[in-house]
N, C-alpha and C. Protein backbone atom coordinates (compact mmCIF):
# COMPACT_ATOMS: atom_id res chain seq x y z
N UNK A 1 56.29 88.35 109.76
CA UNK A 1 55.99 88.12 108.37
C UNK A 1 56.50 89.28 107.52
N UNK A 2 56.17 90.49 107.94
CA UNK A 2 56.56 91.66 107.16
C UNK A 2 58.07 91.84 107.16
N UNK A 3 58.68 91.70 108.34
CA UNK A 3 60.12 91.90 108.43
C UNK A 3 60.87 90.89 107.58
N UNK A 4 60.42 89.66 107.59
CA UNK A 4 61.08 88.62 106.79
C UNK A 4 60.98 88.95 105.31
N UNK A 5 59.90 89.57 104.90
CA UNK A 5 59.72 89.90 103.49
C UNK A 5 60.44 91.17 103.07
N UNK A 6 60.69 92.06 104.01
CA UNK A 6 61.27 93.37 103.68
C UNK A 6 62.79 93.40 103.83
N UNK A 7 63.32 92.80 104.89
CA UNK A 7 64.75 92.91 105.20
C UNK A 7 65.58 92.18 104.14
N UNK A 8 66.55 92.88 103.55
CA UNK A 8 67.40 92.23 102.55
C UNK A 8 68.13 91.02 103.14
N UNK A 9 68.38 90.05 102.32
CA UNK A 9 68.99 88.77 102.65
C UNK A 9 68.06 87.88 103.48
N UNK A 10 67.38 88.45 104.48
CA UNK A 10 66.43 87.67 105.26
C UNK A 10 65.24 87.27 104.40
N UNK A 11 64.93 88.09 103.38
CA UNK A 11 63.78 87.80 102.53
C UNK A 11 64.03 86.61 101.60
N UNK A 12 65.26 86.11 101.52
CA UNK A 12 65.52 84.94 100.69
C UNK A 12 64.84 83.69 101.23
N UNK A 13 64.44 83.70 102.50
CA UNK A 13 63.74 82.55 103.07
C UNK A 13 62.41 82.31 102.36
N UNK A 14 61.84 83.36 101.76
CA UNK A 14 60.58 83.21 101.04
C UNK A 14 60.74 82.46 99.73
N UNK A 15 61.98 82.24 99.29
CA UNK A 15 62.20 81.42 98.10
C UNK A 15 61.85 79.96 98.37
N UNK A 16 61.83 79.57 99.63
CA UNK A 16 61.47 78.20 100.00
C UNK A 16 59.97 78.11 100.21
N UNK A 17 59.22 78.21 99.14
CA UNK A 17 57.76 78.08 99.17
C UNK A 17 57.12 79.04 100.18
N UNK A 18 57.54 80.29 100.14
CA UNK A 18 56.99 81.34 101.02
C UNK A 18 57.12 80.98 102.50
N UNK A 19 58.25 80.37 102.88
CA UNK A 19 58.46 79.91 104.25
C UNK A 19 58.40 81.06 105.26
N UNK A 20 58.89 82.23 104.89
CA UNK A 20 58.86 83.36 105.80
C UNK A 20 57.45 83.78 106.15
N UNK A 21 56.57 83.71 105.19
CA UNK A 21 55.17 84.06 105.43
C UNK A 21 54.54 83.01 106.34
N UNK A 22 54.85 81.74 106.09
CA UNK A 22 54.31 80.67 106.93
C UNK A 22 54.85 80.75 108.35
N UNK A 23 56.11 81.16 108.50
CA UNK A 23 56.69 81.33 109.84
C UNK A 23 55.91 82.40 110.61
N UNK A 24 55.49 83.45 109.92
CA UNK A 24 54.70 84.49 110.57
C UNK A 24 53.38 83.96 111.11
N UNK A 25 52.67 83.16 110.31
CA UNK A 25 51.43 82.55 110.78
C UNK A 25 51.68 81.58 111.93
N UNK A 26 52.77 80.83 111.82
CA UNK A 26 53.15 79.86 112.85
C UNK A 26 53.39 80.57 114.18
N UNK A 27 54.19 81.63 114.14
CA UNK A 27 54.53 82.37 115.36
C UNK A 27 53.29 83.02 115.96
N UNK A 28 52.39 83.51 115.12
CA UNK A 28 51.15 84.11 115.62
C UNK A 28 50.32 83.13 116.43
N UNK A 29 50.20 81.90 115.96
CA UNK A 29 49.42 80.90 116.68
C UNK A 29 50.14 80.47 117.96
N UNK A 30 51.46 80.34 117.90
CA UNK A 30 52.21 79.97 119.11
C UNK A 30 52.02 81.03 120.19
N UNK A 31 52.12 82.29 119.81
CA UNK A 31 51.92 83.38 120.77
C UNK A 31 50.49 83.38 121.31
N UNK A 32 49.52 83.22 120.44
CA UNK A 32 48.11 83.19 120.86
C UNK A 32 47.87 82.02 121.81
N UNK A 33 48.47 80.87 121.51
CA UNK A 33 48.30 79.70 122.38
C UNK A 33 48.89 79.96 123.76
N UNK A 34 50.06 80.63 123.83
CA UNK A 34 50.67 80.94 125.13
C UNK A 34 49.74 81.82 125.96
N UNK A 35 49.08 82.78 125.30
CA UNK A 35 48.14 83.64 126.01
C UNK A 35 46.91 82.86 126.46
N UNK A 36 46.44 81.94 125.63
CA UNK A 36 45.25 81.15 125.98
C UNK A 36 45.53 80.18 127.12
N UNK A 37 46.74 79.64 127.18
CA UNK A 37 47.11 78.70 128.24
C UNK A 37 47.03 79.39 129.60
N UNK A 38 47.36 80.67 129.67
CA UNK A 38 47.30 81.42 130.92
C UNK A 38 45.89 81.41 131.51
N UNK A 39 44.88 81.36 130.64
CA UNK A 39 43.49 81.40 131.08
C UNK A 39 42.81 80.05 130.94
N UNK A 40 43.61 79.01 130.70
CA UNK A 40 43.11 77.64 130.57
C UNK A 40 42.06 77.51 129.45
N UNK A 41 42.34 78.14 128.32
CA UNK A 41 41.45 78.10 127.16
C UNK A 41 42.18 77.38 126.03
N UNK A 42 41.48 76.48 125.36
CA UNK A 42 42.07 75.78 124.21
C UNK A 42 41.79 76.56 122.93
N UNK A 43 42.77 76.58 122.04
CA UNK A 43 42.54 77.22 120.74
C UNK A 43 41.90 76.21 119.80
N UNK A 44 41.20 76.73 118.82
CA UNK A 44 40.55 75.86 117.83
C UNK A 44 41.21 76.08 116.47
N UNK A 45 40.89 75.18 115.55
CA UNK A 45 41.45 75.35 114.21
C UNK A 45 40.92 76.62 113.55
N UNK A 46 39.71 77.02 113.92
CA UNK A 46 39.15 78.26 113.39
C UNK A 46 39.96 79.46 113.87
N UNK A 47 40.39 79.43 115.13
CA UNK A 47 41.25 80.51 115.64
C UNK A 47 42.54 80.58 114.83
N UNK A 48 43.13 79.42 114.57
CA UNK A 48 44.39 79.37 113.82
C UNK A 48 44.21 79.92 112.41
N UNK A 49 43.12 79.54 111.76
CA UNK A 49 42.87 80.01 110.40
C UNK A 49 42.73 81.53 110.38
N UNK A 50 41.96 82.07 111.32
CA UNK A 50 41.76 83.52 111.34
C UNK A 50 43.05 84.27 111.69
N UNK A 51 43.85 83.71 112.59
CA UNK A 51 45.13 84.34 112.91
C UNK A 51 46.01 84.39 111.67
N UNK A 52 46.09 83.29 110.94
CA UNK A 52 46.89 83.24 109.72
C UNK A 52 46.39 84.20 108.66
N UNK A 53 45.06 84.22 108.46
CA UNK A 53 44.48 85.11 107.44
C UNK A 53 44.68 86.58 107.79
N UNK A 54 44.39 86.93 109.03
CA UNK A 54 44.49 88.34 109.43
C UNK A 54 45.94 88.82 109.48
N UNK A 55 46.83 87.98 109.99
CA UNK A 55 48.24 88.40 110.01
C UNK A 55 48.78 88.48 108.59
N UNK A 56 48.31 87.60 107.71
CA UNK A 56 48.71 87.66 106.31
C UNK A 56 48.19 88.91 105.62
N UNK A 57 46.94 89.27 105.89
CA UNK A 57 46.38 90.50 105.32
C UNK A 57 47.16 91.72 105.77
N UNK A 58 47.39 91.81 107.07
CA UNK A 58 48.12 92.95 107.61
C UNK A 58 49.54 93.00 107.03
N UNK A 59 50.19 91.87 106.98
CA UNK A 59 51.54 91.83 106.44
C UNK A 59 51.56 92.17 104.96
N UNK A 60 50.58 91.70 104.20
CA UNK A 60 50.49 92.03 102.78
C UNK A 60 50.35 93.52 102.55
N UNK A 61 49.56 94.18 103.38
CA UNK A 61 49.38 95.63 103.27
C UNK A 61 50.68 96.35 103.62
N UNK A 62 51.34 95.92 104.70
CA UNK A 62 52.59 96.57 105.13
C UNK A 62 53.67 96.40 104.07
N UNK A 63 53.84 95.18 103.57
CA UNK A 63 54.88 94.92 102.57
C UNK A 63 54.59 95.69 101.29
N UNK A 64 53.33 95.74 100.88
CA UNK A 64 52.97 96.49 99.67
C UNK A 64 53.27 97.97 99.85
N UNK A 65 52.90 98.51 101.00
CA UNK A 65 53.17 99.92 101.27
C UNK A 65 54.66 100.22 101.28
N UNK A 66 55.43 99.34 101.90
CA UNK A 66 56.88 99.54 101.93
C UNK A 66 57.48 99.45 100.53
N UNK A 67 56.98 98.52 99.73
CA UNK A 67 57.46 98.36 98.35
C UNK A 67 57.15 99.60 97.52
N UNK A 68 55.95 100.13 97.67
CA UNK A 68 55.56 101.33 96.92
C UNK A 68 56.41 102.53 97.36
N UNK A 69 56.60 102.68 98.68
CA UNK A 69 57.43 103.79 99.16
C UNK A 69 58.87 103.68 98.66
N UNK A 70 59.39 102.47 98.67
CA UNK A 70 60.75 102.26 98.18
C UNK A 70 60.85 102.63 96.70
N UNK A 71 59.85 102.23 95.93
CA UNK A 71 59.86 102.54 94.49
C UNK A 71 59.74 104.04 94.26
N UNK A 72 58.94 104.73 95.08
CA UNK A 72 58.75 106.16 94.89
C UNK A 72 60.01 106.96 95.19
N UNK A 73 60.79 106.52 96.18
CA UNK A 73 61.98 107.27 96.57
C UNK A 73 63.25 106.78 95.88
N UNK A 74 63.11 105.79 95.05
CA UNK A 74 64.27 105.26 94.32
C UNK A 74 64.34 105.93 92.95
N UNK A 75 65.54 106.15 92.47
CA UNK A 75 65.72 106.75 91.15
C UNK A 75 65.82 105.70 90.06
N UNK A 76 65.84 104.45 90.45
CA UNK A 76 66.00 103.38 89.47
C UNK A 76 64.69 103.05 88.77
N UNK A 77 64.81 102.66 87.53
CA UNK A 77 63.67 102.15 86.77
C UNK A 77 63.88 100.64 86.65
N UNK A 78 63.16 99.84 87.45
CA UNK A 78 63.40 98.39 87.45
C UNK A 78 63.07 97.72 86.12
N UNK A 79 62.28 98.37 85.29
CA UNK A 79 61.95 97.77 83.99
C UNK A 79 63.16 97.75 83.07
N UNK A 80 64.00 98.78 83.18
CA UNK A 80 65.24 98.80 82.40
C UNK A 80 66.15 97.66 82.86
N UNK A 81 66.23 97.49 84.19
CA UNK A 81 67.04 96.40 84.75
C UNK A 81 66.48 95.04 84.36
N UNK A 82 65.16 94.91 84.35
CA UNK A 82 64.52 93.65 83.96
C UNK A 82 64.84 93.30 82.52
N UNK A 83 64.73 94.27 81.64
CA UNK A 83 65.04 94.04 80.23
C UNK A 83 66.50 93.63 80.06
N UNK A 84 67.38 94.33 80.77
CA UNK A 84 68.81 94.03 80.70
C UNK A 84 69.09 92.60 81.20
N UNK A 85 68.46 92.22 82.32
CA UNK A 85 68.66 90.89 82.88
C UNK A 85 68.16 89.79 81.94
N UNK A 86 66.98 89.98 81.37
CA UNK A 86 66.43 88.99 80.46
C UNK A 86 67.33 88.82 79.24
N UNK A 87 67.86 89.91 78.73
CA UNK A 87 68.75 89.85 77.58
C UNK A 87 70.04 89.12 77.93
N UNK A 88 70.61 89.42 79.10
CA UNK A 88 71.84 88.76 79.53
C UNK A 88 71.65 87.26 79.74
N UNK A 89 70.47 86.87 80.20
CA UNK A 89 70.19 85.45 80.44
C UNK A 89 69.86 84.71 79.16
N UNK A 90 69.63 85.45 78.10
CA UNK A 90 69.29 84.82 76.83
C UNK A 90 67.84 84.37 76.76
N UNK A 91 67.00 84.94 77.60
CA UNK A 91 65.58 84.59 77.60
C UNK A 91 64.88 85.45 76.55
N UNK A 92 64.21 84.81 75.60
CA UNK A 92 63.54 85.60 74.56
C UNK A 92 62.34 86.36 75.13
N UNK A 93 62.22 87.61 74.74
CA UNK A 93 61.11 88.45 75.18
C UNK A 93 60.15 88.59 74.01
N UNK A 94 58.90 88.18 74.24
CA UNK A 94 57.89 88.28 73.19
C UNK A 94 57.54 89.74 72.95
N UNK A 95 57.01 90.06 71.78
CA UNK A 95 56.62 91.46 71.51
C UNK A 95 55.58 91.97 72.50
N UNK A 96 54.68 91.09 72.95
CA UNK A 96 53.66 91.51 73.92
C UNK A 96 54.31 91.88 75.25
N UNK A 97 55.24 91.03 75.70
CA UNK A 97 55.93 91.31 76.97
C UNK A 97 56.77 92.57 76.85
N UNK A 98 57.39 92.76 75.71
CA UNK A 98 58.20 93.95 75.48
C UNK A 98 57.34 95.21 75.54
N UNK A 99 56.13 95.12 75.00
CA UNK A 99 55.20 96.25 75.02
C UNK A 99 54.78 96.58 76.46
N UNK A 100 54.50 95.55 77.26
CA UNK A 100 54.11 95.75 78.66
C UNK A 100 55.27 96.37 79.44
N UNK A 101 56.48 95.86 79.21
CA UNK A 101 57.65 96.39 79.90
C UNK A 101 57.85 97.86 79.53
N UNK A 102 57.64 98.23 78.26
CA UNK A 102 57.78 99.63 77.84
C UNK A 102 56.74 100.52 78.52
N UNK A 103 55.48 100.03 78.61
CA UNK A 103 54.43 100.82 79.27
C UNK A 103 54.76 101.03 80.75
N UNK A 104 55.20 99.97 81.41
CA UNK A 104 55.55 100.09 82.82
C UNK A 104 56.76 101.01 82.99
N UNK A 105 57.71 100.92 82.07
CA UNK A 105 58.89 101.78 82.12
C UNK A 105 58.50 103.25 81.95
N UNK A 106 57.55 103.52 81.06
CA UNK A 106 57.08 104.90 80.87
C UNK A 106 56.41 105.41 82.14
N UNK A 107 55.66 104.53 82.84
CA UNK A 107 55.04 104.94 84.10
C UNK A 107 56.10 105.30 85.14
N UNK A 108 57.16 104.48 85.21
CA UNK A 108 58.25 104.78 86.14
C UNK A 108 58.90 106.11 85.81
N UNK A 109 59.09 106.38 84.53
CA UNK A 109 59.71 107.64 84.12
C UNK A 109 58.80 108.83 84.42
N UNK A 110 57.49 108.66 84.25
CA UNK A 110 56.54 109.75 84.43
C UNK A 110 56.26 110.04 85.91
N UNK A 111 55.97 108.97 86.70
CA UNK A 111 55.53 109.16 88.08
C UNK A 111 56.60 108.86 89.12
N UNK A 112 57.67 108.20 88.73
CA UNK A 112 58.67 107.76 89.70
C UNK A 112 58.38 106.38 90.24
N UNK A 113 57.20 105.88 89.96
CA UNK A 113 56.80 104.52 90.29
C UNK A 113 55.71 104.12 89.30
N UNK A 114 55.36 102.86 89.28
CA UNK A 114 54.33 102.40 88.35
C UNK A 114 53.04 102.11 89.10
N UNK A 115 52.00 102.94 88.90
CA UNK A 115 50.72 102.66 89.55
C UNK A 115 50.17 101.28 89.18
N UNK A 116 50.33 100.90 87.92
CA UNK A 116 49.83 99.59 87.48
C UNK A 116 50.53 98.47 88.22
N UNK A 117 51.85 98.51 88.26
CA UNK A 117 52.62 97.48 88.95
C UNK A 117 52.34 97.49 90.45
N UNK A 118 52.13 98.67 91.02
CA UNK A 118 51.82 98.78 92.44
C UNK A 118 50.48 98.13 92.76
N UNK A 119 49.49 98.36 91.93
CA UNK A 119 48.16 97.76 92.15
C UNK A 119 48.22 96.25 92.00
N UNK A 120 48.91 95.78 90.97
CA UNK A 120 49.03 94.34 90.76
C UNK A 120 49.76 93.69 91.93
N UNK A 121 50.85 94.31 92.38
CA UNK A 121 51.61 93.80 93.52
C UNK A 121 50.75 93.77 94.77
N UNK A 122 49.99 94.83 95.01
CA UNK A 122 49.12 94.91 96.18
C UNK A 122 48.08 93.80 96.16
N UNK A 123 47.43 93.61 95.03
CA UNK A 123 46.39 92.56 94.93
C UNK A 123 47.00 91.18 95.12
N UNK A 124 48.14 90.93 94.49
CA UNK A 124 48.80 89.63 94.66
C UNK A 124 49.23 89.40 96.10
N UNK A 125 49.75 90.44 96.76
CA UNK A 125 50.12 90.30 98.17
C UNK A 125 48.91 90.03 99.05
N UNK A 126 47.77 90.63 98.71
CA UNK A 126 46.55 90.38 99.49
C UNK A 126 46.01 88.97 99.29
N UNK A 127 46.47 88.29 98.26
CA UNK A 127 46.07 86.89 98.04
C UNK A 127 47.12 85.95 98.63
N UNK A 128 48.38 86.18 98.30
CA UNK A 128 49.45 85.25 98.68
C UNK A 128 49.71 85.24 100.19
N UNK A 129 49.84 86.40 100.81
CA UNK A 129 50.20 86.45 102.22
C UNK A 129 49.16 85.79 103.13
N UNK A 130 47.86 86.06 102.99
CA UNK A 130 46.91 85.37 103.85
C UNK A 130 46.88 83.85 103.63
N UNK A 131 47.02 83.40 102.39
CA UNK A 131 46.97 81.96 102.12
C UNK A 131 48.14 81.25 102.79
N UNK A 132 49.35 81.75 102.58
CA UNK A 132 50.51 81.09 103.18
C UNK A 132 50.58 81.33 104.69
N UNK A 133 50.09 82.46 105.16
CA UNK A 133 49.99 82.68 106.60
C UNK A 133 49.06 81.68 107.24
N UNK A 134 47.96 81.38 106.54
CA UNK A 134 47.01 80.39 107.04
C UNK A 134 47.65 79.00 107.08
N UNK A 135 48.43 78.65 106.05
CA UNK A 135 49.12 77.35 106.06
C UNK A 135 50.04 77.25 107.27
N UNK A 136 50.81 78.29 107.53
CA UNK A 136 51.72 78.28 108.68
C UNK A 136 50.98 78.19 109.99
N UNK A 137 49.86 78.88 110.09
CA UNK A 137 49.09 78.84 111.33
C UNK A 137 48.45 77.47 111.54
N UNK A 138 48.02 76.83 110.47
CA UNK A 138 47.45 75.49 110.60
C UNK A 138 48.51 74.46 110.96
N UNK A 139 49.72 74.62 110.44
CA UNK A 139 50.81 73.73 110.83
C UNK A 139 51.09 73.89 112.32
N UNK A 140 51.15 75.13 112.78
CA UNK A 140 51.38 75.40 114.19
C UNK A 140 50.27 74.80 115.05
N UNK A 141 49.03 74.99 114.62
CA UNK A 141 47.90 74.44 115.36
C UNK A 141 47.98 72.92 115.46
N UNK A 142 48.29 72.27 114.34
CA UNK A 142 48.35 70.81 114.36
C UNK A 142 49.48 70.31 115.26
N UNK A 143 50.60 71.03 115.31
CA UNK A 143 51.69 70.64 116.22
C UNK A 143 51.30 70.85 117.68
N UNK A 144 50.61 71.94 117.97
CA UNK A 144 50.17 72.21 119.34
C UNK A 144 49.16 71.17 119.79
N UNK A 145 48.18 70.87 118.95
CA UNK A 145 47.16 69.88 119.30
C UNK A 145 47.80 68.50 119.42
N UNK A 146 48.72 68.18 118.52
CA UNK A 146 49.41 66.89 118.59
C UNK A 146 50.20 66.75 119.87
N UNK A 147 50.85 67.84 120.30
CA UNK A 147 51.62 67.81 121.54
C UNK A 147 50.69 67.63 122.74
N UNK A 148 49.53 68.31 122.72
CA UNK A 148 48.58 68.17 123.83
C UNK A 148 48.02 66.75 123.88
N UNK A 149 47.70 66.18 122.71
CA UNK A 149 47.18 64.81 122.68
C UNK A 149 48.24 63.81 123.13
N UNK A 150 49.48 64.02 122.77
CA UNK A 150 50.57 63.15 123.18
C UNK A 150 50.74 63.23 124.69
N UNK A 151 50.61 64.44 125.24
CA UNK A 151 50.73 64.63 126.69
C UNK A 151 49.58 63.92 127.42
N UNK A 152 48.35 63.98 126.87
CA UNK A 152 47.20 63.31 127.47
C UNK A 152 47.39 61.80 127.48
N UNK A 153 47.93 61.26 126.38
CA UNK A 153 48.13 59.81 126.28
C UNK A 153 49.16 59.31 127.28
N UNK A 154 50.15 60.12 127.60
CA UNK A 154 51.21 59.71 128.52
C UNK A 154 50.82 59.87 129.98
N UNK A 155 49.76 60.63 130.26
CA UNK A 155 49.34 60.88 131.65
C UNK A 155 48.46 59.81 132.14
């Protein structure tokens, strides 16, 4: 989950409805199921949900930390780039949005990163990553259970 979100070009998979995050939850349940099969234990949907939530939480923290570290060691002010991009695209910027961009830009100039933007990103990652990780883990669980039921019907 974290690697898919951090690695350049590979992180474009998250443009498809956070598919990279869901793949992380999916892989977590597949791995857990392989371990459970060794001991003849069946996984439950509750196991899948917790695997997705916990892997999403951990990944959200890792990605947020990596993002903050990258911002701290970078000399770029992304707010200047954002303003430039919006202007080039012809997207009108409201006075309120312009004021927020200026405040965030001042934080980048003062601290080298924006504490406000870092906190907002961290909170959003703690919401988004567990939710989509849970979706991926539930998809994996339903495929595993469906395969087991199909195998039982054929035996």
